[in-house]
C-alpha cells in the first residue's frame, strides 16, 4: 500500500458516499449532520461547501495510489486552535480489516500536529460502534469521562457518545 492524505475534492464524493450501505452505518458516520439517507454526492459537496473552510475546518481524503480509500475531517471545536477534532471518519467498506482506519486516523493526527499546530486531538464515537472505538484506541486515543453524556436520537433510539482524546508528546 502507498497511502497518502490529500485535500478532499468534490469528485471524491461519489466514491465516499457509496460506502454508506445502510442508514445505520450512515448515522454512525455522521449522527444527525445529514438529514436523510442515502447521502448523495451532491449532499456531501453542499455540506463541504457550507462547513469546510480550509481554515477552521479541513476535509481530507486518503488515497492508495489513485484509489480513494478513506475520508476524515478536522476542525477547531472551540476558540482554541491548539485542539483539532476528528469527524466523519470512514474507509472503503470493501477493505475493512486491513488497517486502513488506523492508518487514516494516524495520518490525520500527524497532520493536526505538524501542519495545523495542534497539541490535542479529540473525537466523539458512538458506544454502538466497537470497531471504531478499537481503531481509535489502537491509534493512541483514550476515553475521557464527562459529567454529562452526549446523546443523539438516531433511528428511534438514543445513541450515547464516548469522548476520546490524545495529546501531542513533546520530546525533550
Protein backbone atom coordinates (compact mmCIF):
# COMPACT_ATOMS: atom_id res chain seq x y z
CA UNK A 1 0.00 0.00 0.00
CA UNK A 2 1.10 3.54 -0.76
CA UNK A 3 -1.18 5.66 1.42
CA UNK A 4 -1.24 9.44 1.28
CA UNK A 5 -3.55 12.11 2.61
CA UNK A 6 -4.68 14.97 0.40
CA UNK A 7 -7.33 17.66 0.41
CA UNK A 8 -10.84 16.48 -0.35
CA UNK A 9 -12.03 17.10 -3.92
CA UNK A 10 -15.71 17.33 -4.91
CA UNK A 11 -15.12 14.44 -7.32
CA UNK A 12 -14.32 12.21 -4.28
CA UNK A 13 -17.91 12.37 -3.04
CA UNK A 14 -19.31 9.69 -5.36
CA UNK A 15 -16.84 7.11 -4.06
CA UNK A 16 -17.14 8.09 -0.40
CA UNK A 17 -20.95 8.14 -0.32
CA UNK A 18 -21.01 4.70 -1.99
CA UNK A 19 -19.53 3.24 1.23
CA UNK A 20 -22.65 4.17 3.22
CA UNK A 21 -24.55 0.93 2.62
CA UNK A 22 -27.27 1.48 5.26
CA UNK A 23 -28.83 4.29 7.25
CA UNK A 24 -27.46 2.69 10.41
CA UNK A 25 -23.87 2.94 9.11
CA UNK A 26 -24.54 6.43 7.82
CA UNK A 27 -25.76 7.59 11.25
CA UNK A 28 -22.71 6.04 12.94
CA UNK A 29 -20.62 8.08 10.50
CA UNK A 30 -22.38 11.44 10.76
CA UNK A 31 -25.03 11.30 13.54
CA UNK A 32 -27.59 13.91 12.54
CA UNK A 33 -25.39 16.05 10.26
CA UNK A 34 -27.19 14.85 7.13
CA UNK A 35 -30.97 14.96 7.11
CA UNK A 36 -31.75 11.90 5.00
CA UNK A 37 -30.45 8.61 3.72
CA UNK A 38 -28.97 7.93 1.27
CA UNK A 39 -26.42 10.73 1.29
CA UNK A 40 -25.75 11.74 -2.30
CA UNK A 41 -22.51 13.16 -3.67
CA UNK A 42 -24.37 16.46 -4.08
CA UNK A 43 -25.34 16.38 -0.38
CA UNK A 44 -21.74 15.77 0.62
CA UNK A 45 -20.44 18.58 -1.57
CA UNK A 46 -23.09 21.00 -0.31
CA UNK A 47 -22.10 20.13 3.27
CA UNK A 48 -18.42 20.61 2.42
CA UNK A 49 -19.06 23.99 0.77
CA UNK A 50 -21.01 25.14 3.80
CA UNK A 51 -18.87 23.83 6.66
CA UNK A 52 -15.34 23.15 5.39
CA UNK A 53 -13.48 26.44 5.09
CA UNK A 54 -9.83 25.32 4.94
CA UNK A 55 -9.02 27.44 7.99
CA UNK A 56 -11.05 26.26 10.99
CA UNK A 57 -12.06 23.02 9.27
CA UNK A 58 -10.40 20.66 6.81
CA UNK A 59 -11.61 17.68 4.80
CA UNK A 60 -9.01 15.10 3.82
CA UNK A 61 -9.12 12.11 1.52
CA UNK A 62 -6.78 9.15 1.92
CA UNK A 63 -5.66 7.53 -1.31
CA UNK A 64 -3.79 4.34 -2.09
CA UNK A 65 -2.08 5.24 -5.33
CA UNK A 66 -5.03 6.64 -7.27
CA UNK A 67 -7.75 4.77 -5.35
CA UNK A 68 -9.80 6.68 -2.79
CA UNK A 69 -9.77 4.58 0.40
CA UNK A 70 -10.66 6.96 3.26
CA UNK A 71 -12.09 10.30 4.31
CA UNK A 72 -11.82 12.35 7.51
CA UNK A 73 -12.40 15.88 8.73
CA UNK A 74 -10.53 18.04 11.24
CA UNK A 75 -11.97 21.13 12.87
CA UNK A 76 -11.27 23.51 15.71
CA UNK A 77 -14.06 22.67 18.19
CA UNK A 78 -13.87 25.92 20.16
CA UNK A 79 -11.75 29.02 20.06
CA UNK A 80 -8.61 27.04 20.85
CA UNK A 81 -6.56 26.42 17.67
CA UNK A 82 -4.36 24.03 19.65
CA UNK A 83 -7.18 21.45 19.59
CA UNK A 84 -8.37 19.66 16.48
CA UNK A 85 -11.43 17.41 16.44
CA UNK A 86 -11.71 14.43 14.13
CA UNK A 87 -15.00 13.69 12.44
CA UNK A 88 -16.67 11.88 9.55
CA UNK A 89 -14.10 9.07 9.70
CA UNK A 90 -14.76 6.43 7.06
CA UNK A 91 -12.80 3.93 4.97
CA UNK A 92 -13.64 1.87 1.92
CA UNK A 93 -16.01 -0.80 3.25
CA UNK A 94 -14.58 -3.42 0.86
CA UNK A 95 -11.16 -3.00 2.50
CA UNK A 96 -12.12 -3.03 6.19
CA UNK A 97 -9.90 -5.10 8.44
CA UNK A 98 -6.74 -4.13 6.52
CA UNK A 99 -5.56 -1.39 8.87
CA UNK A 100 -6.89 1.49 6.79
CA UNK A 101 -8.85 3.00 9.67
CA UNK A 102 -5.85 3.16 11.97
CA UNK A 103 -3.70 4.49 9.12
CA UNK A 104 -6.26 7.20 8.28
CA UNK A 105 -6.62 8.31 11.90
CA UNK A 106 -2.84 8.22 12.48
CA UNK A 107 -2.20 10.29 9.35
CA UNK A 108 -4.86 12.82 10.38
CA UNK A 109 -3.33 13.10 13.87
CA UNK A 110 0.09 13.73 12.35
CA UNK A 111 -1.44 16.35 10.04
CA UNK A 112 -3.15 18.03 13.02
CA UNK A 113 0.09 18.20 14.99
CA UNK A 114 2.55 19.01 12.23
CA UNK A 115 0.50 21.10 9.78
CA UNK A 116 -2.14 22.69 12.00
CA UNK A 117 -0.12 23.16 15.20
CA UNK A 118 -2.45 21.17 17.43
CA UNK A 119 -1.36 19.89 20.83
CA UNK A 120 -4.54 17.88 21.39
CA UNK A 121 -6.77 15.84 19.08
CA UNK A 122 -10.25 14.80 20.19
CA UNK A 123 -13.23 12.91 18.83
CA UNK A 124 -16.62 11.52 19.76
CA UNK A 125 -17.70 7.99 18.88
CA UNK A 126 -20.96 6.16 19.47
CA UNK A 127 -20.93 3.38 22.08
CA UNK A 128 -22.56 1.09 19.49
CA UNK A 129 -19.52 1.27 17.20
CA UNK A 130 -16.98 -1.09 18.84
CA UNK A 131 -14.81 -1.43 15.74
CA UNK A 132 -14.33 2.35 15.58
CA UNK A 133 -13.62 2.51 19.32
CA UNK A 134 -10.97 -0.21 18.91
CA UNK A 135 -9.46 1.66 15.95
CA UNK A 136 -9.19 4.90 17.92
CA UNK A 137 -7.66 3.15 20.92
CA UNK A 138 -5.14 1.45 18.62
CA UNK A 139 -4.23 4.92 17.27
CA UNK A 140 -3.48 6.14 20.80
CA UNK A 141 -6.75 7.72 21.95
CA UNK A 142 -8.05 7.25 25.47
CA UNK A 143 -11.54 7.74 26.87
CA UNK A 144 -12.36 10.92 28.75
CA UNK A 145 -15.04 10.76 31.46
CA UNK A 146 -17.64 13.52 31.14
CA UNK A 147 -20.07 14.85 33.70
CA UNK A 148 -22.86 14.57 31.15
CA UNK A 149 -23.04 12.05 28.30
CA UNK A 150 -23.68 13.49 24.85
CA UNK A 151 -26.56 11.63 23.16
CA UNK A 152 -28.27 11.72 19.78
CA UNK A 153 -31.64 10.46 18.59
CA UNK A 154 -30.87 8.10 15.71
CA UNK A 155 -33.31 5.67 14.13
CA UNK A 156 -35.79 6.00 17.01
CA UNK A 157 -33.07 5.12 19.54
CA UNK A 158 -30.85 7.14 21.84
CA UNK A 159 -27.19 6.70 20.96
CA UNK A 160 -24.60 7.75 23.55
CA UNK A 161 -21.17 9.14 22.67
CA UNK A 162 -17.82 8.30 24.15
CA UNK A 163 -15.39 11.22 24.26
CA UNK A 164 -11.78 10.40 23.38
CA UNK A 165 -8.60 12.40 23.06
CA UNK A 166 -4.85 12.29 22.86
CA UNK A 167 -2.15 14.88 23.48
CA UNK A 168 0.96 15.53 21.46
CA UNK A 169 4.01 14.04 23.07
CA UNK A 170 6.69 16.67 23.49
CA UNK A 171 10.17 15.20 23.09
CA UNK A 172 12.77 16.68 25.45
